[in-house]
Amino acid sequence: MPTTRPRHFVTETDELAEALNDAARRWPDLSRPQLLVRLALEGHRAAQQANDERRRRRLDAVRTYSGCLSGVYGADYLEHLREDWPA
């Protein structure tokens, strides 16, 4: 079928064949090329969810610990620290 979209050619390795066979049990009405597309989209969705979860955890940590060291270092802390440095 003519298309202006890129086409991708993939060799079915043993590992890919196993993934496609497993996918065929989950989606029995799809052809192997359709299964490959479905697996790619499912993998992308899972990666996005993992990325979103990591981002949420990082933001939660920032919110949890934000300001916890406020007031620990005085206004002249750096000047005092640098007094011991060689000139």
PDB file of N, CA and C in Angstrom:
ATOM      1  N   MET A   1       0.848  -1.171   0.000  1.00  0.00           N
ATOM      2  CA  MET A   1       0.000   0.000   0.000  1.00  0.00           C
ATOM      3  C   MET A   1       0.896   1.238   0.000  1.00  0.00           C
ATOM      4  N   PRO A   2       0.683   2.163  -0.929  1.00  0.00           N
ATOM      5  CA  PRO A   2       1.502   3.371  -0.988  1.00  0.00           C
ATOM      6  C   PRO A   2       1.311   4.220   0.274  1.00  0.00           C
ATOM      7  N   THR A   3       2.407   4.802   0.722  1.00  0.00           N
ATOM      8  CA  THR A   3       2.352   5.670   1.888  1.00  0.00           C
ATOM      9  C   THR A   3       3.532   6.625   1.863  1.00  0.00           C
ATOM     10  N   THR A   4       3.369   7.765   2.483  1.00  0.00           N
ATOM     11  CA  THR A   4       4.477   8.711   2.629  1.00  0.00           C
ATOM     12  C   THR A   4       5.142   8.536   3.988  1.00  0.00           C
ATOM     13  N   ARG A   5       4.582   7.656   4.817  1.00  0.00           N
ATOM     14  CA  ARG A   5       5.102   7.415   6.162  1.00  0.00           C
ATOM     15  C   ARG A   5       6.297   6.457   6.098  1.00  0.00           C
ATOM     16  N   PRO A   6       7.235   6.585   7.049  1.00  0.00           N
ATOM     17  CA  PRO A   6       8.366   5.644   7.075  1.00  0.00           C
ATOM     18  C   PRO A   6       7.889   4.225   7.370  1.00  0.00           C
ATOM     19  N   ARG A   7       8.570   3.281   6.775  1.00  0.00           N
ATOM     20  CA  ARG A   7       8.308   1.870   7.053  1.00  0.00           C
ATOM     21  C   ARG A   7       9.502   1.322   7.822  1.00  0.00           C
ATOM     22  N   HIS A   8       9.237   0.356   8.697  1.00  0.00           N
ATOM     23  CA  HIS A   8      10.299  -0.227   9.507  1.00  0.00           C
ATOM     24  C   HIS A   8      10.313  -1.735   9.282  1.00  0.00           C
ATOM     25  N   PHE A   9      11.490  -2.265   9.057  1.00  0.00           N
ATOM     26  CA  PHE A   9      11.649  -3.691   8.843  1.00  0.00           C
ATOM     27  C   PHE A   9      12.341  -4.281  10.061  1.00  0.00           C
ATOM     28  N   VAL A  10      11.741  -5.307  10.630  1.00  0.00           N
ATOM     29  CA  VAL A  10      12.247  -5.900  11.863  1.00  0.00           C
ATOM     30  C   VAL A  10      12.429  -7.395  11.637  1.00  0.00           C
ATOM     31  N   THR A  11      13.571  -7.907  12.045  1.00  0.00           N
ATOM     32  CA  THR A  11      13.811  -9.340  11.985  1.00  0.00           C
ATOM     33  C   THR A  11      13.240  -9.985  13.235  1.00  0.00           C
ATOM     34  N   GLU A  12      12.478 -11.030  13.061  1.00  0.00           N
ATOM     35  CA  GLU A  12      11.861 -11.720  14.197  1.00  0.00           C
ATOM     36  C   GLU A  12      12.874 -12.652  14.842  1.00  0.00           C
ATOM     37  N   THR A  13      13.512 -12.165  15.878  1.00  0.00           N
ATOM     38  CA  THR A  13      14.454 -12.975  16.648  1.00  0.00           C
ATOM     39  C   THR A  13      13.663 -13.925  17.542  1.00  0.00           C
ATOM     40  N   ASP A  14      14.375 -14.838  18.197  1.00  0.00           N
ATOM     41  CA  ASP A  14      13.704 -15.760  19.122  1.00  0.00           C
ATOM     42  C   ASP A  14      12.989 -14.992  20.234  1.00  0.00           C
ATOM     43  N   GLU A  15      13.652 -13.970  20.753  1.00  0.00           N
ATOM     44  CA  GLU A  15      13.065 -13.171  21.833  1.00  0.00           C
ATOM     45  C   GLU A  15      11.816 -12.427  21.359  1.00  0.00           C
ATOM     46  N   LEU A  16      11.880 -11.857  20.154  1.00  0.00           N
ATOM     47  CA  LEU A  16      10.719 -11.158  19.611  1.00  0.00           C
ATOM     48  C   LEU A  16       9.603 -12.143  19.292  1.00  0.00           C
ATOM     49  N   ALA A  17       9.946 -13.297  18.776  1.00  0.00           N
ATOM     50  CA  ALA A  17       8.934 -14.321  18.476  1.00  0.00           C
ATOM     51  C   ALA A  17       8.194 -14.721  19.752  1.00  0.00           C
ATOM     52  N   GLU A  18       8.926 -14.864  20.848  1.00  0.00           N
ATOM     53  CA  GLU A  18       8.295 -15.219  22.118  1.00  0.00           C
ATOM     54  C   GLU A  18       7.336 -14.109  22.573  1.00  0.00           C
ATOM     55  N   ALA A  19       7.778 -12.862  22.425  1.00  0.00           N
ATOM     56  CA  ALA A  19       6.915 -11.734  22.800  1.00  0.00           C
ATOM     57  C   ALA A  19       5.662 -11.696  21.925  1.00  0.00           C
ATOM     58  N   LEU A  20       5.834 -11.947  20.631  1.00  0.00           N
ATOM     59  CA  LEU A  20       4.680 -11.951  19.724  1.00  0.00           C
ATOM     60  C   LEU A  20       3.746 -13.119  20.024  1.00  0.00           C
ATOM     61  N   ASN A  21       4.300 -14.275  20.352  1.00  0.00           N
ATOM     62  CA  ASN A  21       3.462 -15.426  20.701  1.00  0.00           C
ATOM     63  C   ASN A  21       2.651 -15.143  21.963  1.00  0.00           C
ATOM     64  N   ASP A  22       3.292 -14.530  22.953  1.00  0.00           N
ATOM     65  CA  ASP A  22       2.569 -14.157  24.168  1.00  0.00           C
ATOM     66  C   ASP A  22       1.476 -13.135  23.858  1.00  0.00           C
ATOM     67  N   ALA A  23       1.820 -12.156  23.012  1.00  0.00           N
ATOM     68  CA  ALA A  23       0.838 -11.134  22.635  1.00  0.00           C
ATOM     69  C   ALA A  23      -0.327 -11.756  21.860  1.00  0.00           C
ATOM     70  N   ALA A  24      -0.047 -12.775  21.056  1.00  0.00           N
ATOM     71  CA  ALA A  24      -1.111 -13.432  20.279  1.00  0.00           C
ATOM     72  C   ALA A  24      -2.111 -14.130  21.190  1.00  0.00           C
ATOM     73  N   ARG A  25      -1.646 -14.597  22.346  1.00  0.00           N
ATOM     74  CA  ARG A  25      -2.585 -15.198  23.300  1.00  0.00           C
ATOM     75  C   ARG A  25      -3.468 -14.124  23.931  1.00  0.00           C
ATOM     76  N   ARG A  26      -2.904 -12.942  24.091  1.00  0.00           N
ATOM     77  CA  ARG A  26      -3.674 -11.839  24.686  1.00  0.00           C
ATOM     78  C   ARG A  26      -4.628 -11.219  23.674  1.00  0.00           C
ATOM     79  N   TRP A  27      -4.163 -11.067  22.425  1.00  0.00           N
ATOM     80  CA  TRP A  27      -4.965 -10.470  21.361  1.00  0.00           C
ATOM     81  C   TRP A  27      -5.007 -11.431  20.171  1.00  0.00           C
ATOM     82  N   PRO A  28      -5.793 -12.478  20.257  1.00  0.00           N
ATOM     83  CA  PRO A  28      -5.768 -13.538  19.239  1.00  0.00           C
ATOM     84  C   PRO A  28      -6.261 -13.109  17.854  1.00  0.00           C
ATOM     85  N   ASP A  29      -6.973 -12.027  17.740  1.00  0.00           N
ATOM     86  CA  ASP A  29      -7.515 -11.621  16.439  1.00  0.00           C
ATOM     87  C   ASP A  29      -6.558 -10.745  15.630  1.00  0.00           C
ATOM     88  N   LEU A  30      -5.387 -10.439  16.190  1.00  0.00           N
ATOM     89  CA  LEU A  30      -4.443  -9.565  15.491  1.00  0.00           C
ATOM     90  C   LEU A  30      -3.390 -10.370  14.743  1.00  0.00           C
ATOM     91  N   SER A  31      -2.954  -9.824  13.597  1.00  0.00           N
ATOM     92  CA  SER A  31      -1.859 -10.436  12.832  1.00  0.00           C
ATOM     93  C   SER A  31      -0.537 -10.120  13.546  1.00  0.00           C
ATOM     94  N   ARG A  32       0.532 -10.788  13.137  1.00  0.00           N
ATOM     95  CA  ARG A  32       1.826 -10.538  13.781  1.00  0.00           C
ATOM     96  C   ARG A  32       2.282  -9.086  13.593  1.00  0.00           C
ATOM     97  N   PRO A  33       2.127  -8.486  12.416  1.00  0.00           N
ATOM     98  CA  PRO A  33       2.487  -7.062  12.307  1.00  0.00           C
ATOM     99  C   PRO A  33       1.628  -6.179  13.233  1.00  0.00           C
ATOM    100  N   GLN A  34       0.351  -6.488  13.342  1.00  0.00           N
ATOM    101  CA  GLN A  34      -0.517  -5.725  14.243  1.00  0.00           C
ATOM    102  C   GLN A  34      -0.106  -5.932  15.703  1.00  0.00           C
ATOM    103  N   LEU A  35       0.317  -7.153  16.032  1.00  0.00           N
ATOM    104  CA  LEU A  35       0.790  -7.430  17.391  1.00  0.00           C
ATOM    105  C   LEU A  35       2.053  -6.629  17.692  1.00  0.00           C
ATOM    106  N   LEU A  36       2.926  -6.521  16.709  1.00  0.00           N
ATOM    107  CA  LEU A  36       4.154  -5.758  16.898  1.00  0.00           C
ATOM    108  C   LEU A  36       3.830  -4.291  17.187  1.00  0.00           C
ATOM    109  N   VAL A  37       2.894  -3.739  16.448  1.00  0.00           N
ATOM    110  CA  VAL A  37       2.459  -2.356  16.693  1.00  0.00           C
ATOM    111  C   VAL A  37       1.853  -2.239  18.085  1.00  0.00           C
ATOM    112  N   ARG A  38       0.991  -3.177  18.444  1.00  0.00           N
ATOM    113  CA  ARG A  38       0.339  -3.145  19.758  1.00  0.00           C
ATOM    114  C   ARG A  38       1.377  -3.207  20.868  1.00  0.00           C
ATOM    115  N   LEU A  39       2.368  -4.106  20.718  1.00  0.00           N
ATOM    116  CA  LEU A  39       3.421  -4.210  21.731  1.00  0.00           C
ATOM    117  C   LEU A  39       4.227  -2.919  21.835  1.00  0.00           C
ATOM    118  N   ALA A  40       4.521  -2.296  20.706  1.00  0.00           N
ATOM    119  CA  ALA A  40       5.265  -1.032  20.732  1.00  0.00           C
ATOM    120  C   ALA A  40       4.467   0.042  21.462  1.00  0.00           C
ATOM    121  N   LEU A  41       3.178   0.130  21.174  1.00  0.00           N
ATOM    122  CA  LEU A  41       2.337   1.132  21.831  1.00  0.00           C
ATOM    123  C   LEU A  41       2.165   0.838  23.317  1.00  0.00           C
ATOM    124  N   GLU A  42       2.008  -0.436  23.663  1.00  0.00           N
ATOM    125  CA  GLU A  42       1.891  -0.819  25.079  1.00  0.00           C
ATOM    126  C   GLU A  42       3.193  -0.521  25.819  1.00  0.00           C
ATOM    127  N   GLY A  43       4.323  -0.790  25.179  1.00  0.00           N
ATOM    128  CA  GLY A  43       5.616  -0.492  25.780  1.00  0.00           C
ATOM    129  C   GLY A  43       5.802   1.005  26.001  1.00  0.00           C
ATOM    130  N   HIS A  44       5.375   1.789  25.030  1.00  0.00           N
ATOM    131  CA  HIS A  44       5.460   3.248  25.164  1.00  0.00           C
ATOM    132  C   HIS A  44       4.584   3.723  26.313  1.00  0.00           C
ATOM    133  N   ARG A  45       3.391   3.197  26.396  1.00  0.00           N
ATOM    134  CA  ARG A  45       2.471   3.580  27.472  1.00  0.00           C
ATOM    135  C   ARG A  45       3.060   3.217  28.846  1.00  0.00           C
ATOM    136  N   ALA A  46       3.631   2.035  28.951  1.00  0.00           N
ATOM    137  CA  ALA A  46       4.234   1.604  30.216  1.00  0.00           C
ATOM    138  C   ALA A  46       5.434   2.484  30.571  1.00  0.00           C
ATOM    139  N   ALA A  47       6.239   2.838  29.584  1.00  0.00           N
ATOM    140  CA  ALA A  47       7.398   3.699  29.839  1.00  0.00           C
ATOM    141  C   ALA A  47       6.942   5.082  30.291  1.00  0.00           C
ATOM    142  N   GLN A  48       5.882   5.607  29.678  1.00  0.00           N
ATOM    143  CA  GLN A  48       5.348   6.911  30.081  1.00  0.00           C
ATOM    144  C   GLN A  48       4.834   6.868  31.508  1.00  0.00           C
ATOM    145  N   GLN A  49       4.120   5.797  31.858  1.00  0.00           N
ATOM    146  CA  GLN A  49       3.605   5.666  33.220  1.00  0.00           C
ATOM    147  C   GLN A  49       4.746   5.595  34.226  1.00  0.00           C
ATOM    148  N   ALA A  50       5.795   4.860  33.905  1.00  0.00           N
ATOM    149  CA  ALA A  50       6.954   4.759  34.798  1.00  0.00           C
ATOM    150  C   ALA A  50       7.624   6.124  34.940  1.00  0.00           C
ATOM    151  N   ASN A  51       7.748   6.853  33.834  1.00  0.00           N
ATOM    152  CA  ASN A  51       8.346   8.182  33.867  1.00  0.00           C
ATOM    153  C   ASN A  51       7.493   9.132  34.708  1.00  0.00           C
ATOM    154  N   ASP A  52       6.184   9.080  34.520  1.00  0.00           N
ATOM    155  CA  ASP A  52       5.282   9.932  35.301  1.00  0.00           C
ATOM    156  C   ASP A  52       5.374   9.608  36.785  1.00  0.00           C
ATOM    157  N   GLU A  53       5.494   8.327  37.120  1.00  0.00           N
ATOM    158  CA  GLU A  53       5.597   7.911  38.516  1.00  0.00           C
ATOM    159  C   GLU A  53       6.912   8.397  39.132  1.00  0.00           C
ATOM    160  N   ARG A  54       8.018   8.271  38.395  1.00  0.00           N
ATOM    161  CA  ARG A  54       9.301   8.781  38.895  1.00  0.00           C
ATOM    162  C   ARG A  54       9.232  10.285  39.135  1.00  0.00           C
ATOM    163  N   ARG A  55       8.622  10.999  38.205  1.00  0.00           N
ATOM    164  CA  ARG A  55       8.481  12.453  38.348  1.00  0.00           C
ATOM    165  C   ARG A  55       7.628  12.789  39.568  1.00  0.00           C
ATOM    166  N   ARG A  56       6.540  12.070  39.762  1.00  0.00           N
ATOM    167  CA  ARG A  56       5.669  12.313  40.904  1.00  0.00           C
ATOM    168  C   ARG A  56       6.421  12.083  42.212  1.00  0.00           C
ATOM    169  N   ARG A  57       7.219  10.990  42.274  1.00  0.00           N
ATOM    170  CA  ARG A  57       7.990  10.703  43.490  1.00  0.00           C
ATOM    171  C   ARG A  57       9.025  11.790  43.768  1.00  0.00           C
ATOM    172  N   ARG A  58       9.695  12.272  42.708  1.00  0.00           N
ATOM    173  CA  ARG A  58      10.678  13.341  42.901  1.00  0.00           C
ATOM    174  C   ARG A  58      10.004  14.613  43.404  1.00  0.00           C
ATOM    175  N   LEU A  59       8.876  14.978  42.815  1.00  0.00           N
ATOM    176  CA  LEU A  59       8.168  16.173  43.260  1.00  0.00           C
ATOM    177  C   LEU A  59       7.673  16.020  44.689  1.00  0.00           C
ATOM    178  N   ASP A  60       7.195  14.838  45.036  1.00  0.00           N
ATOM    179  CA  ASP A  60       6.772  14.585  46.417  1.00  0.00           C
ATOM    180  C   ASP A  60       7.941  14.775  47.380  1.00  0.00           C
ATOM    181  N   ALA A  61       9.120  14.292  47.006  1.00  0.00           N
ATOM    182  CA  ALA A  61      10.297  14.443  47.862  1.00  0.00           C
ATOM    183  C   ALA A  61      10.671  15.912  48.003  1.00  0.00           C
ATOM    184  N   VAL A  62      10.619  16.652  46.917  1.00  0.00           N
ATOM    185  CA  VAL A  62      10.933  18.088  46.984  1.00  0.00           C
ATOM    186  C   VAL A  62       9.949  18.789  47.909  1.00  0.00           C
ATOM    187  N   ARG A  63       8.661  18.471  47.751  1.00  0.00           N
ATOM    188  CA  ARG A  63       7.654  19.096  48.620  1.00  0.00           C
ATOM    189  C   ARG A  63       7.855  18.700  50.082  1.00  0.00           C
ATOM    190  N   THR A  64       8.178  17.433  50.315  1.00  0.00           N
ATOM    191  CA  THR A  64       8.357  16.940  51.683  1.00  0.00           C
ATOM    192  C   THR A  64       9.520  17.628  52.375  1.00  0.00           C
ATOM    193  N   TYR A  65      10.642  17.769  51.678  1.00  0.00           N
ATOM    194  CA  TYR A  65      11.849  18.283  52.303  1.00  0.00           C
ATOM    195  C   TYR A  65      12.116  19.759  52.036  1.00  0.00           C
ATOM    196  N   SER A  66      11.251  20.399  51.273  1.00  0.00           N
ATOM    197  CA  SER A  66      11.433  21.814  50.970  1.00  0.00           C
ATOM    198  C   SER A  66      11.419  22.635  52.256  1.00  0.00           C
ATOM    199  N   GLY A  67      12.460  23.418  52.444  1.00  0.00           N
ATOM    200  CA  GLY A  67      12.543  24.296  53.603  1.00  0.00           C
ATOM    201  C   GLY A  67      13.037  23.634  54.872  1.00  0.00           C
ATOM    202  N   CYS A  68      13.364  22.353  54.844  1.00  0.00           N
ATOM    203  CA  CYS A  68      13.763  21.660  56.076  1.00  0.00           C
ATOM    204  C   CYS A  68      15.094  22.164  56.627  1.00  0.00           C
ATOM    205  N   LEU A  69      15.895  22.835  55.818  1.00  0.00           N
ATOM    206  CA  LEU A  69      17.167  23.376  56.300  1.00  0.00           C
ATOM    207  C   LEU A  69      17.135  24.893  56.459  1.00  0.00           C
ATOM    208  N   SER A  70      15.943  25.462  56.346  1.00  0.00           N
ATOM    209  CA  SER A  70      15.823  26.913  56.521  1.00  0.00           C
ATOM    210  C   SER A  70      16.335  27.304  57.899  1.00  0.00           C
ATOM    211  N   GLY A  71      17.190  28.315  57.923  1.00  0.00           N
ATOM    212  CA  GLY A  71      17.715  28.811  59.180  1.00  0.00           C
ATOM    213  C   GLY A  71      18.905  28.047  59.713  1.00  0.00           C
ATOM    214  N   VAL A  72      19.299  26.968  59.088  1.00  0.00           N
ATOM    215  CA  VAL A  72      20.433  26.186  59.570  1.00  0.00           C
ATOM    216  C   VAL A  72      21.734  26.949  59.359  1.00  0.00           C
ATOM    217  N   TYR A  73      21.853  27.628  58.233  1.00  0.00           N
ATOM    218  CA  TYR A  73      23.047  28.394  57.925  1.00  0.00           C
ATOM    219  C   TYR A  73      22.735  29.878  58.086  1.00  0.00           C
ATOM    220  N   GLY A  74      23.520  30.569  58.906  1.00  0.00           N
ATOM    221  CA  GLY A  74      23.304  31.992  59.129  1.00  0.00           C
ATOM    222  C   GLY A  74      23.686  32.817  57.920  1.00  0.00           C
ATOM    223  N   ALA A  75      23.380  34.102  58.003  1.00  0.00           N
ATOM    224  CA  ALA A  75      23.640  35.013  56.889  1.00  0.00           C
ATOM    225  C   ALA A  75      25.138  35.115  56.574  1.00  0.00           C
ATOM    226  N   ASP A  76      25.998  34.981  57.588  1.00  0.00           N
ATOM    227  CA  ASP A  76      27.441  35.107  57.371  1.00  0.00           C
ATOM    228  C   ASP A  76      28.145  33.749  57.308  1.00  0.00           C
ATOM    229  N   TYR A  77      27.407  32.697  57.046  1.00  0.00           N
ATOM    230  CA  TYR A  77      27.961  31.343  57.041  1.00  0.00           C
ATOM    231  C   TYR A  77      29.124  31.198  56.065  1.00  0.00           C
ATOM    232  N   LEU A  78      28.949  31.645  54.830  1.00  0.00           N
ATOM    233  CA  LEU A  78      30.006  31.481  53.825  1.00  0.00           C
ATOM    234  C   LEU A  78      31.239  32.302  54.175  1.00  0.00           C
ATOM    235  N   GLU A  79      31.041  33.507  54.664  1.00  0.00           N
ATOM    236  CA  GLU A  79      32.189  34.332  55.062  1.00  0.00           C
ATOM    237  C   GLU A  79      32.969  33.640  56.180  1.00  0.00           C
ATOM    238  N   HIS A  80      32.261  33.119  57.150  1.00  0.00           N
ATOM    239  CA  HIS A  80      32.895  32.423  58.262  1.00  0.00           C
ATOM    240  C   HIS A  80      33.645  31.175  57.753  1.00  0.00           C
ATOM    241  N   LEU A  81      33.046  30.443  56.844  1.00  0.00           N
ATOM    242  CA  LEU A  81      33.662  29.251  56.279  1.00  0.00           C
ATOM    243  C   LEU A  81      34.952  29.599  55.536  1.00  0.00           C
ATOM    244  N   ARG A  82      34.914  30.683  54.819  1.00  0.00           N
ATOM    245  CA  ARG A  82      36.068  31.071  53.984  1.00  0.00           C
ATOM    246  C   ARG A  82      37.227  31.656  54.794  1.00  0.00           C
ATOM    247  N   GLU A  83      37.006  31.953  56.041  1.00  0.00           N
ATOM    248  CA  GLU A  83      38.082  32.497  56.876  1.00  0.00           C
ATOM    249  C   GLU A  83      39.256  31.521  56.984  1.00  0.00           C
ATOM    250  N   ASP A  84      38.980  30.226  56.915  1.00  0.00           N
ATOM    251  CA  ASP A  84      40.022  29.223  57.020  1.00  0.00           C
ATOM    252  C   ASP A  84      40.752  28.950  55.705  1.00  0.00           C
ATOM    253  N   TRP A  85      40.268  29.518  54.628  1.00  0.00           N
ATOM    254  CA  TRP A  85      40.892  29.265  53.326  1.00  0.00           C
ATOM    255  C   TRP A  85      42.168  30.098  53.182  1.00  0.00           C
ATOM    256  N   PRO A  86      43.153  29.522  52.483  1.00  0.00           N
ATOM    257  CA  PRO A  86      44.365  30.332  52.226  1.00  0.00           C
ATOM    258  C   PRO A  86      44.043  31.468  51.260  1.00  0.00           C
ATOM    259  N   ALA A  87      44.729  32.568  51.460  1.00  0.00           N
ATOM    260  CA  ALA A  87      44.480  33.758  50.620  1.00  0.00           C
ATOM    261  C   ALA A  87      45.132  33.650  49.272  1.00  0.00           C
TER     262      ALA A  87
END
